[in-house]
Amino acid sequence: MTRSWLLILPLCFSACATVPKGDIELLKPTIEAFHQAARWKDFQAIGDLLVPEKRDAFIAARKAMKDEKDLFISDYELQDAKISTDLLRASAVSHIKWYRLPSVSEEDSEVTSNWVWKDKGWRLDSQSGGPFASELKL
């Protein structure tokens, strides 16, 4: 009898333990919210979508670069998104057209965004390409 309890007890505890998993259904709307906020220069909303440790630097960079008046995003399109097998990380590829004054040459960038599941939501951890790559580098 004691031996069977020793085998059953660990199973009970492992069944009660839950491992956090990212919500697949929330990834695309989160990426689209990021794109929309970037297009309309809602940097506070973007800050809410970042991992907490990168928020302050991101907001400070927007102010220093005067992005509220100088950054223009004319188009964006989510091209692909993949979620890791553990459902805690995701990578998205977007196509973004943008320019920052005083330049009037539009950049046509492929942007790779790396997302992590944190605090019950997808949070942007890093980005390559596009107007925010320097603060959100890989």
N, C-alpha and C. Protein backbone atom coordinates (compact mmCIF):
# COMPACT_ATOMS: atom_id res chain seq x y z
N MET A 1 0.81 -1.18 0.00
CA MET A 1 0.00 0.00 0.00
C MET A 1 0.87 1.26 0.00
N THR A 2 1.90 1.29 0.82
CA THR A 2 2.77 2.45 0.89
C THR A 2 3.46 2.70 -0.43
N ARG A 3 3.86 1.64 -1.08
CA ARG A 3 4.56 1.77 -2.35
C ARG A 3 3.66 2.41 -3.42
N SER A 4 2.39 2.06 -3.46
CA SER A 4 1.50 2.63 -4.46
C SER A 4 1.27 4.13 -4.20
N TRP A 5 1.23 4.53 -2.93
CA TRP A 5 1.10 5.96 -2.62
C TRP A 5 2.33 6.72 -3.07
N LEU A 6 3.48 6.12 -2.96
CA LEU A 6 4.71 6.78 -3.40
C LEU A 6 4.71 7.01 -4.90
N LEU A 7 4.05 6.15 -5.62
CA LEU A 7 3.96 6.33 -7.07
C LEU A 7 2.86 7.32 -7.46
N ILE A 8 1.77 7.33 -6.74
CA ILE A 8 0.63 8.19 -7.07
C ILE A 8 0.87 9.63 -6.63
N LEU A 9 1.50 9.86 -5.52
CA LEU A 9 1.70 11.18 -4.96
C LEU A 9 2.40 12.14 -5.95
N PRO A 10 3.52 11.76 -6.57
CA PRO A 10 4.15 12.69 -7.52
C PRO A 10 3.25 13.02 -8.71
N LEU A 11 2.42 12.08 -9.12
CA LEU A 11 1.51 12.34 -10.23
C LEU A 11 0.47 13.39 -9.86
N CYS A 12 0.01 13.36 -8.63
CA CYS A 12 -0.97 14.35 -8.18
C CYS A 12 -0.36 15.75 -8.20
N PHE A 13 0.86 15.88 -7.71
CA PHE A 13 1.50 17.19 -7.68
C PHE A 13 1.82 17.69 -9.07
N SER A 14 2.23 16.82 -9.96
CA SER A 14 2.57 17.27 -11.32
C SER A 14 1.31 17.67 -12.08
N ALA A 15 0.18 17.05 -11.78
CA ALA A 15 -1.07 17.43 -12.44
C ALA A 15 -1.55 18.79 -11.97
N CYS A 16 -1.24 19.16 -10.74
CA CYS A 16 -1.67 20.45 -10.21
C CYS A 16 -0.79 21.59 -10.70
N ALA A 17 0.44 21.29 -11.00
CA ALA A 17 1.36 22.34 -11.46
C ALA A 17 1.03 22.70 -12.91
N THR A 18 0.91 24.00 -13.15
CA THR A 18 0.64 24.44 -14.51
C THR A 18 1.82 25.25 -15.01
N VAL A 19 2.20 24.98 -16.20
CA VAL A 19 3.28 25.71 -16.83
C VAL A 19 2.65 26.81 -17.67
N PRO A 20 3.10 28.07 -17.52
CA PRO A 20 2.50 29.13 -18.32
C PRO A 20 2.75 28.90 -19.80
N LYS A 21 1.74 29.11 -20.59
CA LYS A 21 1.84 28.95 -22.04
C LYS A 21 1.23 30.17 -22.68
N GLY A 22 1.84 30.60 -23.78
CA GLY A 22 1.33 31.75 -24.50
C GLY A 22 0.03 31.43 -25.21
N ASP A 23 -0.82 32.42 -25.29
CA ASP A 23 -2.09 32.28 -25.99
C ASP A 23 -1.86 32.58 -27.47
N ILE A 24 -1.96 31.55 -28.28
CA ILE A 24 -1.72 31.68 -29.72
C ILE A 24 -2.69 32.68 -30.34
N GLU A 25 -3.91 32.68 -29.86
CA GLU A 25 -4.95 33.56 -30.42
C GLU A 25 -4.66 35.04 -30.17
N LEU A 26 -3.85 35.35 -29.17
CA LEU A 26 -3.55 36.74 -28.85
C LEU A 26 -2.35 37.31 -29.61
N LEU A 27 -1.56 36.46 -30.25
CA LEU A 27 -0.34 36.94 -30.90
C LEU A 27 -0.64 37.92 -32.04
N LYS A 28 -1.44 37.52 -33.00
CA LYS A 28 -1.71 38.38 -34.15
C LYS A 28 -2.36 39.70 -33.74
N PRO A 29 -3.38 39.72 -32.88
CA PRO A 29 -3.94 41.01 -32.46
C PRO A 29 -2.92 41.89 -31.72
N THR A 30 -2.00 41.29 -30.98
CA THR A 30 -0.98 42.06 -30.28
C THR A 30 -0.02 42.70 -31.28
N ILE A 31 0.40 41.93 -32.28
CA ILE A 31 1.29 42.49 -33.31
C ILE A 31 0.58 43.60 -34.06
N GLU A 32 -0.68 43.40 -34.40
CA GLU A 32 -1.43 44.43 -35.10
C GLU A 32 -1.62 45.67 -34.24
N ALA A 33 -1.80 45.50 -32.93
CA ALA A 33 -1.91 46.65 -32.03
C ALA A 33 -0.59 47.42 -32.00
N PHE A 34 0.52 46.69 -32.02
CA PHE A 34 1.84 47.34 -32.07
C PHE A 34 1.97 48.17 -33.35
N HIS A 35 1.64 47.56 -34.49
CA HIS A 35 1.72 48.28 -35.77
C HIS A 35 0.84 49.53 -35.77
N GLN A 36 -0.37 49.38 -35.30
CA GLN A 36 -1.32 50.49 -35.28
C GLN A 36 -0.80 51.62 -34.37
N ALA A 37 -0.32 51.27 -33.20
CA ALA A 37 0.21 52.27 -32.28
C ALA A 37 1.42 52.98 -32.88
N ALA A 38 2.28 52.24 -33.56
CA ALA A 38 3.46 52.84 -34.19
C ALA A 38 3.04 53.80 -35.30
N ARG A 39 2.08 53.39 -36.08
CA ARG A 39 1.62 54.24 -37.18
C ARG A 39 1.05 55.56 -36.67
N TRP A 40 0.32 55.52 -35.55
CA TRP A 40 -0.30 56.72 -35.00
C TRP A 40 0.52 57.37 -33.91
N LYS A 41 1.78 56.94 -33.78
CA LYS A 41 2.74 57.54 -32.84
C LYS A 41 2.25 57.48 -31.39
N ASP A 42 1.59 56.41 -31.05
CA ASP A 42 1.13 56.20 -29.68
C ASP A 42 2.22 55.40 -28.94
N PHE A 43 3.29 56.10 -28.59
CA PHE A 43 4.45 55.45 -28.01
C PHE A 43 4.19 54.91 -26.61
N GLN A 44 3.25 55.49 -25.90
CA GLN A 44 2.88 54.95 -24.59
C GLN A 44 2.24 53.57 -24.75
N ALA A 45 1.38 53.42 -25.75
CA ALA A 45 0.75 52.12 -26.01
C ALA A 45 1.81 51.09 -26.42
N ILE A 46 2.78 51.53 -27.21
CA ILE A 46 3.87 50.62 -27.59
C ILE A 46 4.64 50.21 -26.35
N GLY A 47 4.91 51.18 -25.47
CA GLY A 47 5.63 50.88 -24.23
C GLY A 47 4.92 49.81 -23.41
N ASP A 48 3.60 49.82 -23.43
CA ASP A 48 2.83 48.81 -22.70
C ASP A 48 2.98 47.42 -23.31
N LEU A 49 3.38 47.36 -24.57
CA LEU A 49 3.55 46.07 -25.25
C LEU A 49 4.99 45.54 -25.15
N LEU A 50 5.88 46.33 -24.58
CA LEU A 50 7.29 45.92 -24.46
C LEU A 50 7.53 45.14 -23.17
N VAL A 51 8.62 44.38 -23.15
CA VAL A 51 9.05 43.78 -21.89
C VAL A 51 9.38 44.94 -20.96
N PRO A 52 9.04 44.84 -19.68
CA PRO A 52 9.19 45.98 -18.76
C PRO A 52 10.59 46.61 -18.74
N GLU A 53 11.62 45.79 -18.85
CA GLU A 53 12.98 46.32 -18.74
C GLU A 53 13.40 47.19 -19.93
N LYS A 54 12.62 47.24 -20.99
CA LYS A 54 12.97 48.07 -22.16
C LYS A 54 12.06 49.28 -22.33
N ARG A 55 11.04 49.41 -21.52
CA ARG A 55 10.06 50.50 -21.68
C ARG A 55 10.67 51.88 -21.53
N ASP A 56 11.38 52.12 -20.43
CA ASP A 56 11.90 53.46 -20.16
C ASP A 56 12.86 53.92 -21.25
N ALA A 57 13.76 53.04 -21.68
CA ALA A 57 14.73 53.40 -22.73
C ALA A 57 14.00 53.68 -24.04
N PHE A 58 12.96 52.92 -24.32
CA PHE A 58 12.20 53.13 -25.55
C PHE A 58 11.52 54.50 -25.55
N ILE A 59 10.83 54.83 -24.47
CA ILE A 59 10.13 56.11 -24.36
C ILE A 59 11.14 57.27 -24.41
N ALA A 60 12.26 57.13 -23.71
CA ALA A 60 13.28 58.18 -23.72
C ALA A 60 13.84 58.39 -25.13
N ALA A 61 14.05 57.31 -25.86
CA ALA A 61 14.56 57.42 -27.23
C ALA A 61 13.56 58.12 -28.14
N ARG A 62 12.28 57.86 -27.96
CA ARG A 62 11.26 58.52 -28.78
C ARG A 62 11.32 60.03 -28.57
N LYS A 63 11.47 60.44 -27.30
CA LYS A 63 11.54 61.87 -26.99
C LYS A 63 12.82 62.48 -27.55
N ALA A 64 13.95 61.79 -27.35
CA ALA A 64 15.24 62.31 -27.82
C ALA A 64 15.28 62.44 -29.35
N MET A 65 14.63 61.52 -30.05
CA MET A 65 14.64 61.55 -31.51
C MET A 65 13.49 62.39 -32.08
N LYS A 66 12.67 62.94 -31.19
CA LYS A 66 11.51 63.77 -31.58
C LYS A 66 10.59 63.01 -32.54
N ASP A 67 10.39 61.74 -32.24
CA ASP A 67 9.58 60.90 -33.13
C ASP A 67 8.12 61.31 -33.18
N GLU A 68 7.63 61.98 -32.16
CA GLU A 68 6.23 62.39 -32.19
C GLU A 68 5.95 63.31 -33.38
N LYS A 69 6.94 64.10 -33.77
CA LYS A 69 6.73 64.96 -34.93
C LYS A 69 7.54 64.54 -36.15
N ASP A 70 8.61 63.77 -35.98
CA ASP A 70 9.50 63.48 -37.09
C ASP A 70 9.38 62.08 -37.70
N LEU A 71 8.75 61.14 -37.01
CA LEU A 71 8.65 59.77 -37.51
C LEU A 71 7.31 59.56 -38.21
N PHE A 72 7.37 58.98 -39.40
CA PHE A 72 6.15 58.70 -40.16
C PHE A 72 6.21 57.26 -40.67
N ILE A 73 5.19 56.50 -40.32
CA ILE A 73 5.07 55.13 -40.82
C ILE A 73 3.90 55.14 -41.78
N SER A 74 4.20 54.87 -43.04
CA SER A 74 3.16 54.97 -44.07
C SER A 74 2.46 53.65 -44.35
N ASP A 75 3.11 52.54 -44.04
CA ASP A 75 2.47 51.26 -44.32
C ASP A 75 3.15 50.17 -43.49
N TYR A 76 2.38 49.17 -43.14
CA TYR A 76 2.92 48.00 -42.45
C TYR A 76 2.07 46.79 -42.83
N GLU A 77 2.72 45.64 -42.82
CA GLU A 77 2.03 44.40 -43.15
C GLU A 77 2.71 43.24 -42.44
N LEU A 78 1.96 42.52 -41.67
CA LEU A 78 2.46 41.31 -41.04
C LEU A 78 2.57 40.24 -42.11
N GLN A 79 3.77 39.69 -42.29
CA GLN A 79 3.98 38.68 -43.32
C GLN A 79 4.00 37.26 -42.78
N ASP A 80 4.55 37.08 -41.59
CA ASP A 80 4.66 35.73 -41.06
C ASP A 80 4.86 35.80 -39.55
N ALA A 81 4.38 34.81 -38.85
CA ALA A 81 4.59 34.70 -37.41
C ALA A 81 4.71 33.24 -37.04
N LYS A 82 5.66 32.95 -36.18
CA LYS A 82 5.88 31.57 -35.73
C LYS A 82 6.03 31.56 -34.22
N ILE A 83 5.42 30.56 -33.61
CA ILE A 83 5.49 30.42 -32.16
C ILE A 83 6.34 29.20 -31.83
N SER A 84 7.18 29.33 -30.81
CA SER A 84 8.03 28.21 -30.39
C SER A 84 7.17 27.06 -29.87
N THR A 85 7.75 25.90 -29.83
CA THR A 85 7.01 24.72 -29.37
C THR A 85 6.59 24.82 -27.91
N ASP A 86 7.34 25.57 -27.10
CA ASP A 86 6.94 25.72 -25.69
C ASP A 86 5.88 26.81 -25.49
N LEU A 87 5.49 27.48 -26.57
CA LEU A 87 4.46 28.53 -26.57
C LEU A 87 4.83 29.74 -25.71
N LEU A 88 6.12 29.98 -25.50
CA LEU A 88 6.55 31.10 -24.68
C LEU A 88 7.30 32.17 -25.48
N ARG A 89 7.64 31.86 -26.72
CA ARG A 89 8.35 32.80 -27.58
C ARG A 89 7.73 32.77 -28.97
N ALA A 90 7.81 33.91 -29.64
CA ALA A 90 7.29 33.99 -31.01
C ALA A 90 8.17 34.95 -31.79
N SER A 91 8.18 34.74 -33.08
CA SER A 91 8.92 35.60 -33.99
C SER A 91 7.98 36.01 -35.11
N ALA A 92 7.97 37.29 -35.43
CA ALA A 92 7.09 37.80 -36.48
C ALA A 92 7.91 38.62 -37.48
N VAL A 93 7.59 38.47 -38.74
CA VAL A 93 8.23 39.24 -39.80
C VAL A 93 7.18 40.17 -40.40
N SER A 94 7.51 41.45 -40.42
CA SER A 94 6.61 42.46 -40.96
C SER A 94 7.35 43.28 -42.01
N HIS A 95 6.61 43.87 -42.89
CA HIS A 95 7.14 44.77 -43.90
C HIS A 95 6.64 46.16 -43.52
N ILE A 96 7.56 47.10 -43.32
CA ILE A 96 7.19 48.44 -42.86
C ILE A 96 7.82 49.49 -43.76
N LYS A 97 7.02 50.48 -44.16
CA LYS A 97 7.51 51.64 -44.90
C LYS A 97 7.46 52.83 -43.96
N TRP A 98 8.59 53.54 -43.85
CA TRP A 98 8.69 54.62 -42.88
C TRP A 98 9.77 55.61 -43.28
N TYR A 99 9.70 56.80 -42.69
CA TYR A 99 10.79 57.76 -42.81
C TYR A 99 10.80 58.66 -41.57
N ARG A 100 11.96 59.21 -41.33
CA ARG A 100 12.14 60.09 -40.18
C ARG A 100 12.76 61.39 -40.71
N LEU A 101 12.09 62.50 -40.45
CA LEU A 101 12.60 63.81 -40.87
C LEU A 101 13.93 64.08 -40.20
N PRO A 102 14.86 64.76 -40.83
CA PRO A 102 14.72 65.56 -42.02
C PRO A 102 14.78 64.78 -43.34
N SER A 103 15.01 63.48 -43.27
CA SER A 103 15.03 62.70 -44.50
C SER A 103 13.62 62.59 -45.07
N VAL A 104 13.53 62.64 -46.39
CA VAL A 104 12.24 62.44 -47.05
C VAL A 104 12.26 61.15 -47.86
N SER A 105 13.35 60.40 -47.72
CA SER A 105 13.45 59.11 -48.41
C SER A 105 12.77 58.04 -47.57
N GLU A 106 11.81 57.39 -48.16
CA GLU A 106 11.08 56.35 -47.44
C GLU A 106 11.91 55.08 -47.37
N GLU A 107 12.03 54.55 -46.16
CA GLU A 107 12.70 53.27 -45.93
C GLU A 107 11.68 52.16 -46.16
N ASP A 108 12.11 51.10 -46.76
CA ASP A 108 11.26 49.94 -47.00
C ASP A 108 11.94 48.78 -46.28
N SER A 109 11.49 48.49 -45.06
CA SER A 109 12.22 47.58 -44.18
C SER A 109 11.47 46.28 -43.91
N GLU A 110 12.24 45.20 -43.84
CA GLU A 110 11.71 43.96 -43.31
C GLU A 110 12.11 43.94 -41.84
N VAL A 111 11.14 43.82 -40.97
CA VAL A 111 11.36 43.90 -39.54
C VAL A 111 11.05 42.56 -38.90
N THR A 112 11.99 42.05 -38.13
CA THR A 112 11.76 40.83 -37.37
C THR A 112 11.58 41.22 -35.91
N SER A 113 10.45 40.84 -35.35
CA SER A 113 10.12 41.15 -33.96
C SER A 113 10.08 39.86 -33.16
N ASN A 114 10.74 39.87 -32.02
CA ASN A 114 10.76 38.71 -31.14
C ASN A 114 9.91 39.01 -29.91
N TRP A 115 8.92 38.17 -29.71
CA TRP A 115 7.94 38.34 -28.64
C TRP A 115 8.12 37.25 -27.59
N VAL A 116 7.82 37.58 -26.35
CA VAL A 116 7.84 36.60 -25.26
C VAL A 116 6.50 36.67 -24.52
N TRP A 117 6.07 35.53 -24.00
CA TRP A 117 4.84 35.48 -23.21
C TRP A 117 5.21 35.83 -21.78
N LYS A 118 4.69 36.95 -21.28
CA LYS A 118 5.05 37.43 -19.95
C LYS A 118 3.86 38.19 -19.38
N ASP A 119 3.57 37.97 -18.13
CA ASP A 119 2.46 38.66 -17.46
C ASP A 119 1.14 38.49 -18.21
N LYS A 120 0.88 37.28 -18.66
CA LYS A 120 -0.37 36.91 -19.34
C LYS A 120 -0.60 37.67 -20.65
N GLY A 121 0.50 38.02 -21.31
CA GLY A 121 0.37 38.68 -22.60
C GLY A 121 1.67 38.59 -23.39
N TRP A 122 1.59 38.86 -24.69
CA TRP A 122 2.78 38.88 -25.54
C TRP A 122 3.47 40.22 -25.37
N ARG A 123 4.78 40.21 -25.11
CA ARG A 123 5.57 41.41 -24.91
C ARG A 123 6.72 41.41 -25.91
N LEU A 124 6.94 42.55 -26.55
CA LEU A 124 8.03 42.68 -27.51
C LEU A 124 9.35 42.75 -26.77
N ASP A 125 10.26 41.86 -27.13
CA ASP A 125 11.55 41.79 -26.47
C ASP A 125 12.66 42.41 -27.33
N SER A 126 12.61 42.17 -28.63
CA SER A 126 13.65 42.71 -29.50
C SER A 126 13.12 42.84 -30.92
N GLN A 127 13.86 43.64 -31.70
CA GLN A 127 13.43 43.90 -33.06
C GLN A 127 14.66 44.21 -33.90
N SER A 128 14.69 43.70 -35.11
CA SER A 128 15.75 44.07 -36.05
C SER A 128 15.10 44.72 -37.26
N GLY A 129 15.70 45.80 -37.73
CA GLY A 129 15.15 46.55 -38.84
C GLY A 129 14.08 47.51 -38.36
N GLY A 130 13.78 48.49 -39.17
CA GLY A 130 12.72 49.44 -38.85
C GLY A 130 13.18 50.58 -37.97
N PRO A 131 12.25 51.46 -37.60
CA PRO A 131 12.61 52.68 -36.88
C PRO A 131 12.98 52.49 -35.41
N PHE A 132 12.70 51.33 -34.83
CA PHE A 132 12.96 51.14 -33.40
C PHE A 132 14.09 50.14 -33.13
N ALA A 133 14.79 49.72 -34.16
CA ALA A 133 15.80 48.66 -34.02
C ALA A 133 16.91 49.00 -33.05
N SER A 134 17.30 50.28 -32.96
CA SER A 134 18.43 50.62 -32.09
C SER A 134 18.10 50.43 -30.61
N GLU A 135 16.85 50.69 -30.20
CA GLU A 135 16.49 50.51 -28.79
C GLU A 135 16.07 49.08 -28.49
N LEU A 136 15.63 48.36 -29.49
CA LEU A 136 15.10 47.00 -29.28
C LEU A 136 15.99 45.95 -29.94
N LYS A 137 17.28 46.20 -29.96
CA LYS A 137 18.18 45.28 -30.67
C LYS A 137 18.15 43.88 -30.08
N LEU A 138 18.50 42.96 -30.97
CA LEU A 138 18.51 41.54 -30.59
C LEU A 138 19.57 41.28 -29.56
